[in-house]
Amino acid sequence: MAVKIRLARGGSKKRPHYAIVAADTRMPRDGRFLEKLGTYNPLLAKDSEERVKMDVERVQHWIAQGAQPTDRVARFLEAAGVREKATRQNLKKAVPGDKAKKRAEEKAAKAAAPAADDAAE
């Protein structure tokens, strides 16, 4: 059984509240879970101690059993000092798409054409 440590959403519309849970990967996001490990309230200030609460010992137990934390939970664990900070690189995020590249080339060509005419005169 593959286990993930992930967030399960609760709360009402536009008032999210999450539970940090250990769950089987085949279960739905807000469905059945094995154990509740903590809570996350994104509405609180980032420096608030109530924003993220988790039982670090139980999280370490589940990781030792082979559970994989999701990206967001991994960031919480890094902030708590339980896990080493991973280097994240999204190299393709800043690269413009094909259409944007073509538009930039056309714009550069148009700008270069009048400049070449001015230099020739």
N, C-alpha and C. Protein backbone atom coordinates (compact mmCIF):
# COMPACT_ATOMS: atom_id res chain seq x y z
N MET A 1 0.85 -1.18 0.00
CA MET A 1 0.00 0.00 0.00
C MET A 1 0.90 1.24 0.00
N ALA A 2 0.69 2.12 -0.97
CA ALA A 2 1.45 3.37 -1.06
C ALA A 2 0.77 4.42 -0.19
N VAL A 3 1.55 5.03 0.68
CA VAL A 3 1.01 6.02 1.61
C VAL A 3 1.61 7.39 1.32
N LYS A 4 0.77 8.39 1.35
CA LYS A 4 1.22 9.78 1.18
C LYS A 4 0.82 10.57 2.41
N ILE A 5 1.65 11.54 2.74
CA ILE A 5 1.29 12.52 3.77
C ILE A 5 0.84 13.74 3.01
N ARG A 6 -0.43 14.07 3.10
CA ARG A 6 -1.00 15.12 2.27
C ARG A 6 -2.04 15.93 3.02
N LEU A 7 -2.59 16.93 2.34
CA LEU A 7 -3.60 17.80 2.93
C LEU A 7 -4.99 17.31 2.53
N ALA A 8 -5.90 17.32 3.49
CA ALA A 8 -7.30 17.02 3.24
C ALA A 8 -8.09 18.29 3.55
N ARG A 9 -8.84 18.79 2.58
CA ARG A 9 -9.51 20.08 2.73
C ARG A 9 -10.78 19.95 3.55
N GLY A 10 -10.97 20.95 4.40
CA GLY A 10 -12.19 21.07 5.17
C GLY A 10 -12.62 22.52 5.12
N GLY A 11 -13.54 22.90 5.93
CA GLY A 11 -13.99 24.29 5.93
C GLY A 11 -15.04 24.53 4.88
N SER A 12 -15.55 25.75 4.86
CA SER A 12 -16.61 26.09 3.92
C SER A 12 -16.05 26.83 2.72
N LYS A 13 -16.92 27.24 1.86
CA LYS A 13 -16.52 27.93 0.64
C LYS A 13 -15.74 29.20 0.98
N LYS A 14 -14.59 29.36 0.38
CA LYS A 14 -13.69 30.51 0.57
C LYS A 14 -13.17 30.65 2.00
N ARG A 15 -13.30 29.62 2.80
CA ARG A 15 -12.76 29.60 4.17
C ARG A 15 -12.06 28.26 4.38
N PRO A 16 -10.96 28.00 3.66
CA PRO A 16 -10.34 26.68 3.72
C PRO A 16 -9.67 26.40 5.06
N HIS A 17 -9.66 25.15 5.39
CA HIS A 17 -8.97 24.63 6.57
C HIS A 17 -8.53 23.23 6.19
N TYR A 18 -7.28 22.90 6.41
CA TYR A 18 -6.76 21.62 5.97
C TYR A 18 -6.30 20.77 7.14
N ALA A 19 -6.47 19.46 6.98
CA ALA A 19 -5.91 18.50 7.91
C ALA A 19 -4.71 17.86 7.23
N ILE A 20 -3.62 17.71 7.96
CA ILE A 20 -2.46 17.00 7.43
C ILE A 20 -2.66 15.54 7.82
N VAL A 21 -2.78 14.67 6.80
CA VAL A 21 -3.14 13.28 7.06
C VAL A 21 -2.18 12.33 6.35
N ALA A 22 -2.09 11.12 6.88
CA ALA A 22 -1.43 10.02 6.20
C ALA A 22 -2.55 9.20 5.57
N ALA A 23 -2.51 9.09 4.23
CA ALA A 23 -3.60 8.42 3.53
C ALA A 23 -3.06 7.52 2.43
N ASP A 24 -3.83 6.49 2.13
CA ASP A 24 -3.53 5.63 0.99
C ASP A 24 -3.70 6.46 -0.28
N THR A 25 -2.79 6.31 -1.22
CA THR A 25 -2.83 7.13 -2.44
C THR A 25 -4.08 6.88 -3.27
N ARG A 26 -4.72 5.73 -3.09
CA ARG A 26 -5.91 5.40 -3.89
C ARG A 26 -7.17 6.06 -3.35
N MET A 27 -7.11 6.60 -2.15
CA MET A 27 -8.28 7.25 -1.55
C MET A 27 -8.43 8.68 -2.07
N PRO A 28 -9.66 9.21 -2.12
CA PRO A 28 -9.84 10.59 -2.57
C PRO A 28 -9.23 11.60 -1.60
N ARG A 29 -9.02 12.82 -2.08
CA ARG A 29 -8.35 13.86 -1.29
C ARG A 29 -8.98 14.04 0.09
N ASP A 30 -10.29 14.17 0.15
CA ASP A 30 -10.96 14.42 1.42
C ASP A 30 -11.57 13.14 1.99
N GLY A 31 -11.20 12.01 1.44
CA GLY A 31 -11.80 10.74 1.84
C GLY A 31 -11.11 10.10 3.03
N ARG A 32 -11.15 8.79 3.03
CA ARG A 32 -10.63 8.01 4.15
C ARG A 32 -9.12 8.19 4.28
N PHE A 33 -8.66 8.29 5.52
CA PHE A 33 -7.23 8.41 5.78
C PHE A 33 -6.85 7.48 6.91
N LEU A 34 -5.56 7.25 7.06
CA LEU A 34 -5.07 6.33 8.08
C LEU A 34 -4.91 7.02 9.44
N GLU A 35 -4.37 8.25 9.41
CA GLU A 35 -4.14 8.97 10.67
C GLU A 35 -4.07 10.46 10.40
N LYS A 36 -4.65 11.24 11.29
CA LYS A 36 -4.55 12.70 11.20
C LYS A 36 -3.28 13.11 11.94
N LEU A 37 -2.42 13.86 11.23
CA LEU A 37 -1.12 14.22 11.79
C LEU A 37 -1.02 15.68 12.20
N GLY A 38 -1.96 16.52 11.76
CA GLY A 38 -1.89 17.93 12.12
C GLY A 38 -2.92 18.74 11.35
N THR A 39 -2.78 20.07 11.44
CA THR A 39 -3.70 20.96 10.75
C THR A 39 -2.92 22.10 10.09
N TYR A 40 -3.55 22.71 9.11
CA TYR A 40 -3.00 23.87 8.40
C TYR A 40 -4.14 24.84 8.13
N ASN A 41 -3.99 26.07 8.60
CA ASN A 41 -5.00 27.10 8.39
C ASN A 41 -4.37 28.24 7.59
N PRO A 42 -4.60 28.28 6.27
CA PRO A 42 -3.95 29.30 5.43
C PRO A 42 -4.48 30.71 5.65
N LEU A 43 -5.57 30.86 6.39
CA LEU A 43 -6.13 32.19 6.63
C LEU A 43 -5.38 32.96 7.70
N LEU A 44 -4.59 32.27 8.50
CA LEU A 44 -3.82 32.93 9.55
C LEU A 44 -2.55 33.55 8.98
N ALA A 45 -1.98 34.49 9.72
CA ALA A 45 -0.75 35.16 9.28
C ALA A 45 0.39 34.15 9.16
N LYS A 46 1.31 34.42 8.23
CA LYS A 46 2.41 33.48 7.97
C LYS A 46 3.30 33.25 9.18
N ASP A 47 3.40 34.24 10.07
CA ASP A 47 4.27 34.08 11.24
C ASP A 47 3.53 33.50 12.44
N SER A 48 2.25 33.21 12.29
CA SER A 48 1.46 32.66 13.39
C SER A 48 1.84 31.20 13.65
N GLU A 49 1.96 30.85 14.92
CA GLU A 49 2.28 29.47 15.28
C GLU A 49 1.08 28.55 15.09
N GLU A 50 -0.11 29.11 15.04
CA GLU A 50 -1.33 28.32 14.87
C GLU A 50 -1.55 27.94 13.40
N ARG A 51 -0.79 28.55 12.48
CA ARG A 51 -1.01 28.31 11.04
C ARG A 51 -0.76 26.84 10.67
N VAL A 52 0.36 26.30 11.10
CA VAL A 52 0.69 24.89 10.83
C VAL A 52 0.99 24.22 12.15
N LYS A 53 0.20 23.19 12.46
CA LYS A 53 0.43 22.39 13.65
C LYS A 53 0.52 20.94 13.21
N MET A 54 1.58 20.25 13.64
CA MET A 54 1.65 18.83 13.30
C MET A 54 2.42 18.06 14.36
N ASP A 55 2.08 16.80 14.46
CA ASP A 55 2.76 15.89 15.38
C ASP A 55 3.99 15.36 14.65
N VAL A 56 5.15 15.99 14.91
CA VAL A 56 6.37 15.70 14.18
C VAL A 56 6.81 14.26 14.38
N GLU A 57 6.63 13.72 15.57
CA GLU A 57 7.04 12.34 15.83
C GLU A 57 6.26 11.36 14.96
N ARG A 58 4.97 11.58 14.83
CA ARG A 58 4.14 10.69 14.00
C ARG A 58 4.47 10.85 12.52
N VAL A 59 4.78 12.08 12.11
CA VAL A 59 5.17 12.31 10.72
C VAL A 59 6.46 11.55 10.42
N GLN A 60 7.43 11.62 11.33
CA GLN A 60 8.68 10.90 11.15
C GLN A 60 8.44 9.38 11.12
N HIS A 61 7.50 8.92 11.94
CA HIS A 61 7.15 7.50 11.94
C HIS A 61 6.64 7.08 10.58
N TRP A 62 5.73 7.86 10.00
CA TRP A 62 5.16 7.51 8.70
C TRP A 62 6.21 7.59 7.59
N ILE A 63 7.11 8.56 7.68
CA ILE A 63 8.17 8.66 6.68
C ILE A 63 9.10 7.45 6.78
N ALA A 64 9.36 7.01 8.02
CA ALA A 64 10.18 5.81 8.21
C ALA A 64 9.49 4.57 7.64
N GLN A 65 8.16 4.57 7.63
CA GLN A 65 7.40 3.45 7.08
C GLN A 65 7.33 3.51 5.55
N GLY A 66 7.83 4.60 4.96
CA GLY A 66 7.85 4.71 3.50
C GLY A 66 6.86 5.70 2.93
N ALA A 67 6.17 6.46 3.77
CA ALA A 67 5.22 7.45 3.28
C ALA A 67 5.95 8.60 2.61
N GLN A 68 5.40 9.10 1.51
CA GLN A 68 5.99 10.21 0.77
C GLN A 68 5.15 11.47 1.01
N PRO A 69 5.75 12.56 1.49
CA PRO A 69 4.97 13.80 1.64
C PRO A 69 4.76 14.48 0.30
N THR A 70 3.65 15.16 0.16
CA THR A 70 3.40 15.94 -1.04
C THR A 70 4.27 17.19 -1.00
N ASP A 71 4.30 17.96 -2.08
CA ASP A 71 5.17 19.13 -2.16
C ASP A 71 4.87 20.12 -1.03
N ARG A 72 3.61 20.43 -0.82
CA ARG A 72 3.24 21.42 0.20
C ARG A 72 3.61 20.92 1.59
N VAL A 73 3.32 19.68 1.89
CA VAL A 73 3.66 19.12 3.21
C VAL A 73 5.17 19.05 3.37
N ALA A 74 5.90 18.76 2.30
CA ALA A 74 7.37 18.73 2.37
C ALA A 74 7.90 20.11 2.74
N ARG A 75 7.27 21.17 2.23
CA ARG A 75 7.68 22.52 2.60
C ARG A 75 7.42 22.79 4.08
N PHE A 76 6.31 22.29 4.60
CA PHE A 76 6.03 22.45 6.04
C PHE A 76 7.10 21.72 6.85
N LEU A 77 7.47 20.54 6.41
CA LEU A 77 8.48 19.76 7.13
C LEU A 77 9.85 20.44 7.07
N GLU A 78 10.16 21.06 5.94
CA GLU A 78 11.42 21.81 5.83
C GLU A 78 11.43 22.98 6.80
N ALA A 79 10.30 23.68 6.90
CA ALA A 79 10.20 24.82 7.81
C ALA A 79 10.32 24.38 9.26
N ALA A 80 9.82 23.17 9.56
CA ALA A 80 9.90 22.65 10.92
C ALA A 80 11.28 22.06 11.22
N GLY A 81 12.10 21.88 10.20
CA GLY A 81 13.44 21.34 10.41
C GLY A 81 13.49 19.82 10.43
N VAL A 82 12.42 19.17 10.02
CA VAL A 82 12.36 17.71 10.02
C VAL A 82 13.04 17.15 8.78
N ARG A 83 12.99 17.88 7.70
CA ARG A 83 13.47 17.40 6.41
C ARG A 83 14.46 18.40 5.84
N GLU A 84 15.44 17.91 5.09
CA GLU A 84 16.39 18.81 4.46
C GLU A 84 15.70 19.62 3.37
N LYS A 85 16.15 20.85 3.19
CA LYS A 85 15.55 21.71 2.18
C LYS A 85 15.97 21.22 0.80
N ALA A 86 14.99 20.95 -0.03
CA ALA A 86 15.25 20.46 -1.39
C ALA A 86 15.39 21.64 -2.34
N THR A 87 16.24 21.47 -3.33
CA THR A 87 16.37 22.51 -4.35
C THR A 87 15.28 22.29 -5.38
N ARG A 88 14.56 23.34 -5.66
CA ARG A 88 13.47 23.26 -6.62
C ARG A 88 13.82 24.13 -7.81
N GLN A 89 13.68 23.57 -8.98
CA GLN A 89 13.96 24.31 -10.19
C GLN A 89 12.84 24.05 -11.18
N ASN A 90 12.20 25.11 -11.59
CA ASN A 90 11.21 25.01 -12.64
C ASN A 90 11.75 25.84 -13.80
N LEU A 91 12.68 25.24 -14.53
CA LEU A 91 13.40 25.98 -15.55
C LEU A 91 12.51 26.40 -16.72
N LYS A 92 11.48 25.66 -17.00
CA LYS A 92 10.63 25.97 -18.15
C LYS A 92 9.58 27.02 -17.83
N LYS A 93 9.39 27.35 -16.58
CA LYS A 93 8.35 28.30 -16.21
C LYS A 93 8.63 29.70 -16.78
N ALA A 94 9.88 30.12 -16.79
CA ALA A 94 10.22 31.46 -17.23
C ALA A 94 10.46 31.54 -18.74
N VAL A 95 10.51 30.42 -19.42
CA VAL A 95 10.77 30.43 -20.86
C VAL A 95 9.47 30.77 -21.60
N PRO A 96 9.51 31.78 -22.49
CA PRO A 96 8.29 32.13 -23.23
C PRO A 96 7.91 31.02 -24.21
N GLY A 97 6.64 30.99 -24.56
CA GLY A 97 6.13 29.99 -25.50
C GLY A 97 6.50 30.33 -26.94
N ASP A 98 6.11 29.46 -27.86
CA ASP A 98 6.44 29.64 -29.27
C ASP A 98 5.86 30.93 -29.83
N LYS A 99 4.59 31.21 -29.54
CA LYS A 99 3.96 32.42 -30.08
C LYS A 99 4.62 33.68 -29.55
N ALA A 100 4.97 33.67 -28.29
CA ALA A 100 5.63 34.84 -27.69
C ALA A 100 7.00 35.04 -28.30
N LYS A 101 7.71 33.95 -28.58
CA LYS A 101 9.03 34.05 -29.22
C LYS A 101 8.90 34.66 -30.61
N LYS A 102 7.89 34.20 -31.39
CA LYS A 102 7.69 34.73 -32.74
C LYS A 102 7.35 36.22 -32.70
N ARG A 103 6.48 36.61 -31.77
CA ARG A 103 6.12 38.03 -31.64
C ARG A 103 7.35 38.87 -31.29
N ALA A 104 8.19 38.36 -30.40
CA ALA A 104 9.41 39.09 -30.02
C ALA A 104 10.36 39.22 -31.20
N GLU A 105 10.49 38.17 -31.99
CA GLU A 105 11.35 38.22 -33.18
C GLU A 105 10.82 39.24 -34.19
N GLU A 106 9.50 39.23 -34.43
CA GLU A 106 8.90 40.18 -35.36
C GLU A 106 9.08 41.62 -34.88
N LYS A 107 8.90 41.83 -33.59
CA LYS A 107 9.06 43.17 -33.03
C LYS A 107 10.51 43.64 -33.16
N ALA A 108 11.45 42.73 -32.91
CA ALA A 108 12.87 43.07 -33.05
C ALA A 108 13.21 43.37 -34.50
N ALA A 109 12.63 42.62 -35.43
CA ALA A 109 12.88 42.84 -36.86
C ALA A 109 12.33 44.20 -37.30
N LYS A 110 11.13 44.54 -36.82
CA LYS A 110 10.53 45.84 -37.16
C LYS A 110 11.37 46.98 -36.58
N ALA A 111 11.85 46.81 -35.37
CA ALA A 111 12.66 47.85 -34.74
C ALA A 111 14.03 47.96 -35.42
N ALA A 112 14.56 46.86 -35.92
CA ALA A 112 15.86 46.88 -36.56
C ALA A 112 15.79 47.48 -37.96
N ALA A 113 14.66 47.32 -38.66
CA ALA A 113 14.51 47.83 -40.03
C ALA A 113 14.59 49.35 -40.08
N PRO A 114 13.83 50.10 -39.26
CA PRO A 114 13.97 51.56 -39.29
C PRO A 114 15.34 52.03 -38.79
N ALA A 115 15.93 51.33 -37.87
CA ALA A 115 17.26 51.70 -37.38
C ALA A 115 18.30 51.52 -38.48
N ALA A 116 18.13 50.47 -39.28
CA ALA A 116 19.06 50.24 -40.39
C ALA A 116 18.90 51.34 -41.45
N ASP A 117 17.65 51.78 -41.68
CA ASP A 117 17.40 52.86 -42.64
C ASP A 117 18.04 54.16 -42.18
N ASP A 118 17.93 54.45 -40.89
CA ASP A 118 18.52 55.68 -40.33
C ASP A 118 20.04 55.63 -40.42
N ALA A 119 20.64 54.47 -40.23
CA ALA A 119 22.09 54.32 -40.27
C ALA A 119 22.60 54.46 -41.71
N ALA A 120 21.77 54.03 -42.68
CA ALA A 120 22.17 54.10 -44.08
C ALA A 120 22.19 55.55 -44.57
N GLU A 121 21.33 56.37 -44.02
CA GLU A 121 21.24 57.78 -44.44
C GLU A 121 22.32 58.58 -43.83
